Amino acid sequence: MTQYNHFEGMNNLEINETHTITMRDKLIIAQALVLGIQALEEVPAPYTEVSNIMDMKELLHGPFSEFAHVARMMVLETNKIYSEMGETE
Protein backbone atom coordinates (compact mmCIF):
# COMPACT_ATOMS: atom_id res chain seq x y z
CA MET A 1 0.00 0.00 0.00
CA THR A 2 1.49 3.33 -0.99
CA GLN A 3 1.11 6.27 1.31
CA TYR A 4 -0.06 9.57 -0.15
CA ASN A 5 2.36 12.38 0.57
CA HIS A 6 0.36 15.60 0.41
CA PHE A 7 3.55 17.65 0.96
CA GLU A 8 5.23 16.29 -2.16
CA GLY A 9 6.65 18.98 -4.38
CA MET A 10 7.06 21.49 -1.55
CA ASN A 11 10.87 21.58 -1.63
CA ASN A 12 10.86 24.94 -3.41
CA LEU A 13 8.52 26.69 -1.05
CA GLU A 14 7.53 30.22 -1.88
CA ILE A 15 5.66 32.61 0.37
CA ASN A 16 4.89 34.99 -2.50
CA GLU A 17 6.54 36.27 -5.65
CA THR A 18 9.00 38.44 -3.72
CA HIS A 19 10.13 36.08 -0.97
CA THR A 20 11.38 32.52 -1.34
CA ILE A 21 11.98 30.60 1.89
CA THR A 22 15.72 30.71 2.61
CA MET A 23 17.91 28.05 4.16
CA ARG A 24 17.75 29.93 7.47
CA ASP A 25 13.95 30.03 7.25
CA LYS A 26 13.91 26.27 6.70
CA LEU A 27 16.18 25.70 9.71
CA ILE A 28 13.97 27.82 11.95
CA ILE A 29 10.83 26.03 10.73
CA ALA A 30 12.50 22.63 11.21
CA GLN A 31 13.44 23.60 14.76
CA ALA A 32 9.88 24.78 15.42
CA LEU A 33 8.56 21.47 14.08
CA VAL A 34 10.90 19.49 16.37
CA LEU A 35 9.82 21.54 19.39
CA GLY A 36 6.15 21.37 18.40
CA ILE A 37 6.24 17.60 17.96
CA GLN A 38 8.01 17.24 21.29
CA ALA A 39 5.41 19.37 23.07
CA LEU A 40 2.39 17.76 21.41
CA GLU A 41 3.65 14.25 22.20
CA GLU A 42 3.60 15.17 25.90
CA VAL A 43 -0.13 15.95 25.82
CA PRO A 44 -2.00 13.11 27.56
CA ALA A 45 -4.64 11.04 25.80
CA PRO A 46 -7.41 11.65 24.82
CA TYR A 47 -6.22 15.20 24.11
CA THR A 48 -3.22 14.17 22.01
CA GLU A 49 -3.49 15.70 18.55
CA VAL A 50 -2.23 12.65 16.68
CA SER A 51 -3.05 13.93 13.18
CA ASN A 52 -1.17 17.19 13.83
CA ILE A 53 1.85 15.27 15.13
CA MET A 54 1.79 13.02 12.06
CA ASP A 55 1.51 15.99 9.68
CA MET A 56 4.33 17.81 11.46
CA LYS A 57 6.55 14.73 11.24
CA GLU A 58 5.73 14.42 7.54
CA LEU A 59 6.70 18.07 7.02
CA LEU A 60 9.93 17.50 8.95
CA HIS A 61 10.79 14.46 6.82
CA GLY A 62 9.60 16.10 3.60
CA PRO A 63 10.24 19.72 2.66
CA PHE A 64 12.36 20.41 5.76
CA SER A 65 14.29 17.12 5.83
CA GLU A 66 17.63 18.73 4.97
CA PHE A 67 17.55 20.51 8.35
CA ALA A 68 15.72 17.90 10.46
CA HIS A 69 18.87 16.37 11.97
CA VAL A 70 20.48 19.75 12.69
CA ALA A 71 17.25 21.01 14.29
CA ARG A 72 16.99 17.89 16.49
CA MET A 73 20.61 18.32 17.61
CA MET A 74 20.02 22.00 18.41
CA VAL A 75 17.01 21.12 20.56
CA LEU A 76 18.84 18.25 22.31
CA GLU A 77 21.88 20.41 23.08
CA THR A 78 19.72 23.28 24.33
CA ASN A 79 17.79 20.89 26.60
CA LYS A 80 21.10 19.47 27.85
CA ILE A 81 22.44 22.96 28.67
CA TYR A 82 19.26 23.91 30.52
CA SER A 83 19.37 20.63 32.43
CA GLU A 84 22.98 21.21 33.46
CA MET A 85 22.22 24.79 34.49
CA GLY A 86 19.41 23.54 36.71
CA GLU A 87 21.70 21.02 38.40
CA THR A 88 24.30 23.62 39.35
CA GLU A 89 21.90 26.07 40.97
PDB file of N, CA and C in Angstrom:
ATOM      1  N   MET A   1       0.848  -1.179   0.000  1.00  0.00           N
ATOM      2  CA  MET A   1       0.000   0.000   0.000  1.00  0.00           C
ATOM      3  C   MET A   1       0.893   1.243   0.000  1.00  0.00           C
ATOM      4  N   THR A   2       0.707   2.100  -0.945  1.00  0.00           N
ATOM      5  CA  THR A   2       1.489   3.330  -0.995  1.00  0.00           C
ATOM      6  C   THR A   2       0.808   4.413  -0.188  1.00  0.00           C
ATOM      7  N   GLN A   3       1.641   5.195   0.478  1.00  0.00           N
ATOM      8  CA  GLN A   3       1.108   6.266   1.313  1.00  0.00           C
ATOM      9  C   GLN A   3       1.125   7.566   0.514  1.00  0.00           C
ATOM     10  N   TYR A   4       0.046   8.293   0.557  1.00  0.00           N
ATOM     11  CA  TYR A   4      -0.063   9.568  -0.151  1.00  0.00           C
ATOM     12  C   TYR A   4       0.692  10.639   0.624  1.00  0.00           C
ATOM     13  N   ASN A   5       1.601  11.304  -0.047  1.00  0.00           N
ATOM     14  CA  ASN A   5       2.358  12.381   0.568  1.00  0.00           C
ATOM     15  C   ASN A   5       1.809  13.709   0.065  1.00  0.00           C
ATOM     16  N   HIS A   6       0.971  14.351   0.863  1.00  0.00           N
ATOM     17  CA  HIS A   6       0.359  15.599   0.412  1.00  0.00           C
ATOM     18  C   HIS A   6       1.300  16.793   0.508  1.00  0.00           C
ATOM     19  N   PHE A   7       2.560  16.573   0.937  1.00  0.00           N
ATOM     20  CA  PHE A   7       3.551  17.646   0.963  1.00  0.00           C
ATOM     21  C   PHE A   7       4.557  17.496  -0.174  1.00  0.00           C
ATOM     22  N   GLU A   8       4.327  16.524  -1.047  1.00  0.00           N
ATOM     23  CA  GLU A   8       5.228  16.288  -2.159  1.00  0.00           C
ATOM     24  C   GLU A   8       5.295  17.521  -3.055  1.00  0.00           C
ATOM     25  N   GLY A   9       6.478  17.838  -3.507  1.00  0.00           N
ATOM     26  CA  GLY A   9       6.653  18.985  -4.383  1.00  0.00           C
ATOM     27  C   GLY A   9       6.804  20.301  -3.654  1.00  0.00           C
ATOM     28  N   MET A  10       6.958  20.253  -2.326  1.00  0.00           N
ATOM     29  CA  MET A  10       7.059  21.489  -1.552  1.00  0.00           C
ATOM     30  C   MET A  10       8.512  21.850  -1.230  1.00  0.00           C
ATOM     31  N   ASN A  11       9.478  21.268  -1.927  1.00  0.00           N
ATOM     32  CA  ASN A  11      10.871  21.576  -1.629  1.00  0.00           C
ATOM     33  C   ASN A  11      11.250  22.991  -2.024  1.00  0.00           C
ATOM     34  N   ASN A  12      10.605  23.559  -3.011  1.00  0.00           N
ATOM     35  CA  ASN A  12      10.857  24.940  -3.413  1.00  0.00           C
ATOM     36  C   ASN A  12       9.710  25.821  -2.935  1.00  0.00           C
ATOM     37  N   LEU A  13       9.619  25.943  -1.640  1.00  0.00           N
ATOM     38  CA  LEU A  13       8.521  26.694  -1.048  1.00  0.00           C
ATOM     39  C   LEU A  13       8.660  28.175  -1.337  1.00  0.00           C
ATOM     40  N   GLU A  14       7.552  28.787  -1.670  1.00  0.00           N
ATOM     41  CA  GLU A  14       7.526  30.221  -1.875  1.00  0.00           C
ATOM     42  C   GLU A  14       6.391  30.820  -1.068  1.00  0.00           C
ATOM     43  N   ILE A  15       6.680  31.908  -0.386  1.00  0.00           N
ATOM     44  CA  ILE A  15       5.655  32.607   0.366  1.00  0.00           C
ATOM     45  C   ILE A  15       4.846  33.479  -0.592  1.00  0.00           C
ATOM     46  N   ASN A  16       5.527  34.198  -1.445  1.00  0.00           N
ATOM     47  CA  ASN A  16       4.890  34.994  -2.495  1.00  0.00           C
ATOM     48  C   ASN A  16       5.936  35.233  -3.579  1.00  0.00           C
ATOM     49  N   GLU A  17       5.618  36.053  -4.536  1.00  0.00           N
ATOM     50  CA  GLU A  17       6.543  36.266  -5.646  1.00  0.00           C
ATOM     51  C   GLU A  17       7.835  36.964  -5.226  1.00  0.00           C
ATOM     52  N   THR A  18       7.818  37.669  -4.109  1.00  0.00           N
ATOM     53  CA  THR A  18       9.001  38.441  -3.723  1.00  0.00           C
ATOM     54  C   THR A  18       9.852  37.763  -2.657  1.00  0.00           C
ATOM     55  N   HIS A  19       9.360  36.712  -2.033  1.00  0.00           N
ATOM     56  CA  HIS A  19      10.132  36.075  -0.969  1.00  0.00           C
ATOM     57  C   HIS A  19      10.098  34.555  -1.092  1.00  0.00           C
ATOM     58  N   THR A  20      11.237  33.963  -1.353  1.00  0.00           N
ATOM     59  CA  THR A  20      11.384  32.517  -1.335  1.00  0.00           C
ATOM     60  C   THR A  20      11.938  32.136   0.035  1.00  0.00           C
ATOM     61  N   ILE A  21      11.501  31.034   0.584  1.00  0.00           N
ATOM     62  CA  ILE A  21      11.983  30.600   1.893  1.00  0.00           C
ATOM     63  C   ILE A  21      13.465  30.259   1.784  1.00  0.00           C
ATOM     64  N   THR A  22      14.278  30.900   2.626  1.00  0.00           N
ATOM     65  CA  THR A  22      15.723  30.713   2.611  1.00  0.00           C
ATOM     66  C   THR A  22      16.118  29.484   3.418  1.00  0.00           C
ATOM     67  N   MET A  23      17.408  29.161   3.361  1.00  0.00           N
ATOM     68  CA  MET A  23      17.915  28.046   4.164  1.00  0.00           C
ATOM     69  C   MET A  23      17.718  28.331   5.649  1.00  0.00           C
ATOM     70  N   ARG A  24      17.956  29.562   6.057  1.00  0.00           N
ATOM     71  CA  ARG A  24      17.754  29.932   7.467  1.00  0.00           C
ATOM     72  C   ARG A  24      16.293  29.784   7.861  1.00  0.00           C
ATOM     73  N   ASP A  25      15.388  30.201   6.989  1.00  0.00           N
ATOM     74  CA  ASP A  25      13.955  30.030   7.246  1.00  0.00           C
ATOM     75  C   ASP A  25      13.627  28.558   7.463  1.00  0.00           C
ATOM     76  N   LYS A  26      14.160  27.707   6.586  1.00  0.00           N
ATOM     77  CA  LYS A  26      13.905  26.266   6.698  1.00  0.00           C
ATOM     78  C   LYS A  26      14.443  25.699   8.008  1.00  0.00           C
ATOM     79  N   LEU A  27      15.620  26.168   8.439  1.00  0.00           N
ATOM     80  CA  LEU A  27      16.184  25.702   9.707  1.00  0.00           C
ATOM     81  C   LEU A  27      15.291  26.105  10.872  1.00  0.00           C
ATOM     82  N   ILE A  28      14.832  27.341  10.872  1.00  0.00           N
ATOM     83  CA  ILE A  28      13.965  27.821  11.954  1.00  0.00           C
ATOM     84  C   ILE A  28      12.645  27.048  11.973  1.00  0.00           C
ATOM     85  N   ILE A  29      12.088  26.798  10.801  1.00  0.00           N
ATOM     86  CA  ILE A  29      10.834  26.034  10.725  1.00  0.00           C
ATOM     87  C   ILE A  29      11.061  24.601  11.176  1.00  0.00           C
ATOM     88  N   ALA A  30      12.186  23.993  10.776  1.00  0.00           N
ATOM     89  CA  ALA A  30      12.504  22.631  11.206  1.00  0.00           C
ATOM     90  C   ALA A  30      12.635  22.567  12.724  1.00  0.00           C
ATOM     91  N   GLN A  31      13.299  23.558  13.306  1.00  0.00           N
ATOM     92  CA  GLN A  31      13.438  23.602  14.758  1.00  0.00           C
ATOM     93  C   GLN A  31      12.074  23.760  15.429  1.00  0.00           C
ATOM     94  N   ALA A  32      11.227  24.607  14.875  1.00  0.00           N
ATOM     95  CA  ALA A  32       9.880  24.784  15.421  1.00  0.00           C
ATOM     96  C   ALA A  32       9.083  23.486  15.328  1.00  0.00           C
ATOM     97  N   LEU A  33       9.251  22.759  14.231  1.00  0.00           N
ATOM     98  CA  LEU A  33       8.561  21.471  14.078  1.00  0.00           C
ATOM     99  C   LEU A  33       9.039  20.478  15.128  1.00  0.00           C
ATOM    100  N   VAL A  34      10.347  20.408  15.351  1.00  0.00           N
ATOM    101  CA  VAL A  34      10.899  19.493  16.368  1.00  0.00           C
ATOM    102  C   VAL A  34      10.326  19.835  17.741  1.00  0.00           C
ATOM    103  N   LEU A  35      10.345  21.123  18.089  1.00  0.00           N
ATOM    104  CA  LEU A  35       9.818  21.541  19.391  1.00  0.00           C
ATOM    105  C   LEU A  35       8.310  21.310  19.498  1.00  0.00           C
ATOM    106  N   GLY A  36       7.596  21.585  18.407  1.00  0.00           N
ATOM    107  CA  GLY A  36       6.148  21.371  18.401  1.00  0.00           C
ATOM    108  C   GLY A  36       5.783  19.909  18.558  1.00  0.00           C
ATOM    109  N   ILE A  37       6.482  19.043  17.847  1.00  0.00           N
ATOM    110  CA  ILE A  37       6.241  17.597  17.956  1.00  0.00           C
ATOM    111  C   ILE A  37       6.510  17.143  19.382  1.00  0.00           C
ATOM    112  N   GLN A  38       7.638  17.595  19.927  1.00  0.00           N
ATOM    113  CA  GLN A  38       8.013  17.235  21.292  1.00  0.00           C
ATOM    114  C   GLN A  38       6.929  17.651  22.287  1.00  0.00           C
ATOM    115  N   ALA A  39       6.436  18.868  22.147  1.00  0.00           N
ATOM    116  CA  ALA A  39       5.414  19.373  23.071  1.00  0.00           C
ATOM    117  C   ALA A  39       4.092  18.638  22.900  1.00  0.00           C
ATOM    118  N   LEU A  40       3.676  18.422  21.653  1.00  0.00           N
ATOM    119  CA  LEU A  40       2.392  17.758  21.407  1.00  0.00           C
ATOM    120  C   LEU A  40       2.411  16.297  21.848  1.00  0.00           C
ATOM    121  N   GLU A  41       3.572  15.650  21.764  1.00  0.00           N
ATOM    122  CA  GLU A  41       3.654  14.254  22.199  1.00  0.00           C
ATOM    123  C   GLU A  41       3.548  14.114  23.713  1.00  0.00           C
ATOM    124  N   GLU A  42       3.735  15.200  24.446  1.00  0.00           N
ATOM    125  CA  GLU A  42       3.604  15.172  25.901  1.00  0.00           C
ATOM    126  C   GLU A  42       2.163  15.369  26.370  1.00  0.00           C
ATOM    127  N   VAL A  43       1.281  15.739  25.469  1.00  0.00           N
ATOM    128  CA  VAL A  43      -0.126  15.948  25.822  1.00  0.00           C
ATOM    129  C   VAL A  43      -0.767  14.581  26.086  1.00  0.00           C
ATOM    130  N   PRO A  44      -1.411  14.414  27.231  1.00  0.00           N
ATOM    131  CA  PRO A  44      -1.996  13.114  27.562  1.00  0.00           C
ATOM    132  C   PRO A  44      -3.228  12.789  26.705  1.00  0.00           C
ATOM    133  N   ALA A  45      -3.433  11.506  26.493  1.00  0.00           N
ATOM    134  CA  ALA A  45      -4.643  11.043  25.805  1.00  0.00           C
ATOM    135  C   ALA A  45      -5.829  11.371  26.699  1.00  0.00           C
ATOM    136  N   PRO A  46      -6.940  11.653  26.205  1.00  0.00           N
ATOM    137  CA  PRO A  46      -7.413  11.647  24.822  1.00  0.00           C
ATOM    138  C   PRO A  46      -7.214  12.981  24.110  1.00  0.00           C
ATOM    139  N   TYR A  47      -6.385  13.860  24.680  1.00  0.00           N
ATOM    140  CA  TYR A  47      -6.216  15.201  24.115  1.00  0.00           C
ATOM    141  C   TYR A  47      -5.055  15.292  23.125  1.00  0.00           C
ATOM    142  N   THR A  48      -4.344  14.193  22.932  1.00  0.00           N
ATOM    143  CA  THR A  48      -3.216  14.173  22.014  1.00  0.00           C
ATOM    144  C   THR A  48      -3.704  14.414  20.588  1.00  0.00           C
ATOM    145  N   GLU A  49      -3.105  15.366  19.920  1.00  0.00           N
ATOM    146  CA  GLU A  49      -3.494  15.703  18.547  1.00  0.00           C
ATOM    147  C   GLU A  49      -2.645  14.881  17.579  1.00  0.00           C
ATOM    148  N   VAL A  50      -3.014  13.615  17.444  1.00  0.00           N
ATOM    149  CA  VAL A  50      -2.234  12.654  16.676  1.00  0.00           C
ATOM    150  C   VAL A  50      -2.077  13.068  15.218  1.00  0.00           C
ATOM    151  N   SER A  51      -3.135  13.550  14.598  1.00  0.00           N
ATOM    152  CA  SER A  51      -3.047  13.927  13.185  1.00  0.00           C
ATOM    153  C   SER A  51      -2.103  15.119  12.990  1.00  0.00           C
ATOM    154  N   ASN A  52      -2.100  16.055  13.928  1.00  0.00           N
ATOM    155  CA  ASN A  52      -1.171  17.186  13.835  1.00  0.00           C
ATOM    156  C   ASN A  52       0.272  16.715  13.988  1.00  0.00           C
ATOM    157  N   ILE A  53       0.503  15.812  14.926  1.00  0.00           N
ATOM    158  CA  ILE A  53       1.847  15.266  15.126  1.00  0.00           C
ATOM    159  C   ILE A  53       2.309  14.546  13.863  1.00  0.00           C
ATOM    160  N   MET A  54       1.438  13.751  13.276  1.00  0.00           N
ATOM    161  CA  MET A  54       1.786  13.021  12.058  1.00  0.00           C
ATOM    162  C   MET A  54       2.089  13.981  10.907  1.00  0.00           C
ATOM    163  N   ASP A  55       1.269  15.013  10.744  1.00  0.00           N
ATOM    164  CA  ASP A  55       1.509  15.994   9.680  1.00  0.00           C
ATOM    165  C   ASP A  55       2.818  16.748   9.905  1.00  0.00           C
ATOM    166  N   MET A  56       3.092  17.101  11.155  1.00  0.00           N
ATOM    167  CA  MET A  56       4.333  17.815  11.460  1.00  0.00           C
ATOM    168  C   MET A  56       5.547  16.931  11.190  1.00  0.00           C
ATOM    169  N   LYS A  57       5.450  15.656  11.526  1.00  0.00           N
ATOM    170  CA  LYS A  57       6.547  14.726  11.241  1.00  0.00           C
ATOM    171  C   LYS A  57       6.742  14.565   9.738  1.00  0.00           C
ATOM    172  N   GLU A  58       5.649  14.530   8.999  1.00  0.00           N
ATOM    173  CA  GLU A  58       5.733  14.419   7.544  1.00  0.00           C
ATOM    174  C   GLU A  58       6.385  15.666   6.946  1.00  0.00           C
ATOM    175  N   LEU A  59       6.051  16.840   7.465  1.00  0.00           N
ATOM    176  CA  LEU A  59       6.702  18.072   7.016  1.00  0.00           C
ATOM    177  C   LEU A  59       8.198  18.041   7.331  1.00  0.00           C
ATOM    178  N   LEU A  60       8.533  17.559   8.526  1.00  0.00           N
ATOM    179  CA  LEU A  60       9.931  17.500   8.947  1.00  0.00           C
ATOM    180  C   LEU A  60      10.729  16.534   8.079  1.00  0.00           C
ATOM    181  N   HIS A  61      10.099  15.454   7.654  1.00  0.00           N
ATOM    182  CA  HIS A  61      10.787  14.459   6.816  1.00  0.00           C
ATOM    183  C   HIS A  61      10.627  14.747   5.332  1.00  0.00           C
ATOM    184  N   GLY A  62       9.818  15.738   4.993  1.00  0.00           N
ATOM    185  CA  GLY A  62       9.597  16.101   3.598  1.00  0.00           C
ATOM    186  C   GLY A  62      10.344  17.368   3.250  1.00  0.00           C
ATOM    187  N   PRO A  63       9.625  18.485   3.138  1.00  0.00           N
ATOM    188  CA  PRO A  63      10.243  19.721   2.664  1.00  0.00           C
ATOM    189  C   PRO A  63      11.339  20.285   3.576  1.00  0.00           C
ATOM    190  N   PHE A  64      11.363  19.876   4.837  1.00  0.00           N
ATOM    191  CA  PHE A  64      12.361  20.414   5.761  1.00  0.00           C
ATOM    192  C   PHE A  64      13.367  19.353   6.200  1.00  0.00           C
ATOM    193  N   SER A  65      13.434  18.248   5.450  1.00  0.00           N
ATOM    194  CA  SER A  65      14.294  17.115   5.832  1.00  0.00           C
ATOM    195  C   SER A  65      15.776  17.464   5.854  1.00  0.00           C
ATOM    196  N   GLU A  66      16.208  18.394   5.005  1.00  0.00           N
ATOM    197  CA  GLU A  66      17.627  18.726   4.974  1.00  0.00           C
ATOM    198  C   GLU A  66      18.103  19.370   6.280  1.00  0.00           C
ATOM    199  N   PHE A  67      17.180  19.888   7.082  1.00  0.00           N
ATOM    200  CA  PHE A  67      17.545  20.505   8.354  1.00  0.00           C
ATOM    201  C   PHE A  67      17.009  19.760   9.572  1.00  0.00           C
ATOM    202  N   ALA A  68      16.343  18.639   9.360  1.00  0.00           N
ATOM    203  CA  ALA A  68      15.725  17.901  10.461  1.00  0.00           C
ATOM    204  C   ALA A  68      16.764  17.457  11.493  1.00  0.00           C
ATOM    205  N   HIS A  69      17.850  16.875  11.039  1.00  0.00           N
ATOM    206  CA  HIS A  69      18.869  16.373  11.972  1.00  0.00           C
ATOM    207  C   HIS A  69      19.515  17.524  12.742  1.00  0.00           C
ATOM    208  N   VAL A  70      19.869  18.590  12.044  1.00  0.00           N
ATOM    209  CA  VAL A  70      20.482  19.754  12.694  1.00  0.00           C
ATOM    210  C   VAL A  70      19.516  20.341  13.730  1.00  0.00           C
ATOM    211  N   ALA A  71      18.253  20.457  13.368  1.00  0.00           N
ATOM    212  CA  ALA A  71      17.255  21.014  14.288  1.00  0.00           C
ATOM    213  C   ALA A  71      17.106  20.138  15.530  1.00  0.00           C
ATOM    214  N   ARG A  72      17.081  18.806  15.337  1.00  0.00           N
ATOM    215  CA  ARG A  72      16.994  17.893  16.491  1.00  0.00           C
ATOM    216  C   ARG A  72      18.204  18.068  17.410  1.00  0.00           C
ATOM    217  N   MET A  73      19.397  18.164  16.812  1.00  0.00           N
ATOM    218  CA  MET A  73      20.611  18.324  17.607  1.00  0.00           C
ATOM    219  C   MET A  73      20.595  19.647  18.373  1.00  0.00           C
ATOM    220  N   MET A  74      20.110  20.703  17.732  1.00  0.00           N
ATOM    221  CA  MET A  74      20.021  21.997  18.408  1.00  0.00           C
ATOM    222  C   MET A  74      19.105  21.907  19.629  1.00  0.00           C
ATOM    223  N   VAL A  75      17.970  21.257  19.463  1.00  0.00           N
ATOM    224  CA  VAL A  75      17.014  21.117  20.561  1.00  0.00           C
ATOM    225  C   VAL A  75      17.603  20.246  21.664  1.00  0.00           C
ATOM    226  N   LEU A  76      18.236  19.128  21.306  1.00  0.00           N
ATOM    227  CA  LEU A  76      18.844  18.248  22.307  1.00  0.00           C
ATOM    228  C   LEU A  76      19.931  18.968  23.099  1.00  0.00           C
ATOM    229  N   GLU A  77      20.793  19.695  22.403  1.00  0.00           N
ATOM    230  CA  GLU A  77      21.878  20.408  23.084  1.00  0.00           C
ATOM    231  C   GLU A  77      21.342  21.527  23.971  1.00  0.00           C
ATOM    232  N   THR A  78      20.322  22.223  23.516  1.00  0.00           N
ATOM    233  CA  THR A  78      19.716  23.277  24.329  1.00  0.00           C
ATOM    234  C   THR A  78      19.104  22.682  25.588  1.00  0.00           C
ATOM    235  N   ASN A  79      18.383  21.565  25.440  1.00  0.00           N
ATOM    236  CA  ASN A  79      17.793  20.887  26.602  1.00  0.00           C
ATOM    237  C   ASN A  79      18.876  20.430  27.575  1.00  0.00           C
ATOM    238  N   LYS A  80      19.979  19.942  27.031  1.00  0.00           N
ATOM    239  CA  LYS A  80      21.100  19.470  27.852  1.00  0.00           C
ATOM    240  C   LYS A  80      21.706  20.637  28.647  1.00  0.00           C
ATOM    241  N   ILE A  81      21.885  21.778  28.000  1.00  0.00           N
ATOM    242  CA  ILE A  81      22.443  22.955  28.672  1.00  0.00           C
ATOM    243  C   ILE A  81      21.515  23.420  29.790  1.00  0.00           C
ATOM    244  N   TYR A  82      20.209  23.497  29.493  1.00  0.00           N
ATOM    245  CA  TYR A  82      19.256  23.913  30.523  1.00  0.00           C
ATOM    246  C   TYR A  82      19.235  22.927  31.677  1.00  0.00           C
ATOM    247  N   SER A  83      19.348  21.645  31.395  1.00  0.00           N
ATOM    248  CA  SER A  83      19.368  20.631  32.433  1.00  0.00           C
ATOM    249  C   SER A  83      20.603  20.797  33.333  1.00  0.00           C
ATOM    250  N   GLU A  84      21.759  21.022  32.705  1.00  0.00           N
ATOM    251  CA  GLU A  84      22.985  21.207  33.461  1.00  0.00           C
ATOM    252  C   GLU A  84      22.942  22.489  34.284  1.00  0.00           C
ATOM    253  N   MET A  85      22.346  23.532  33.758  1.00  0.00           N
ATOM    254  CA  MET A  85      22.217  24.787  34.493  1.00  0.00           C
ATOM    255  C   MET A  85      21.351  24.602  35.729  1.00  0.00           C
ATOM    256  N   GLY A  86      20.307  23.809  35.589  1.00  0.00           N
ATOM    257  CA  GLY A  86      19.410  23.538  36.713  1.00  0.00           C
ATOM    258  C   GLY A  86      20.067  22.719  37.796  1.00  0.00           C
ATOM    259  N   GLU A  87      21.006  21.857  37.414  1.00  0.00           N
ATOM    260  CA  GLU A  87      21.696  21.015  38.395  1.00  0.00           C
ATOM    261  C   GLU A  87      22.710  21.786  39.205  1.00  0.00           C
ATOM    262  N   THR A  88      23.254  22.875  38.658  1.00  0.00           N
ATOM    263  CA  THR A  88      24.300  23.618  39.354  1.00  0.00           C
ATOM    264  C   THR A  88      23.733  24.684  40.281  1.00  0.00           C
ATOM    265  N   GLU A  89      22.488  25.007  40.135  1.00  0.00           N
ATOM    266  CA  GLU A  89      21.900  26.072  40.966  1.00  0.00           C
ATOM    267  C   GLU A  89      21.492  25.569  42.313  1.00  0.00           C
TER     268      GLU A  89
END
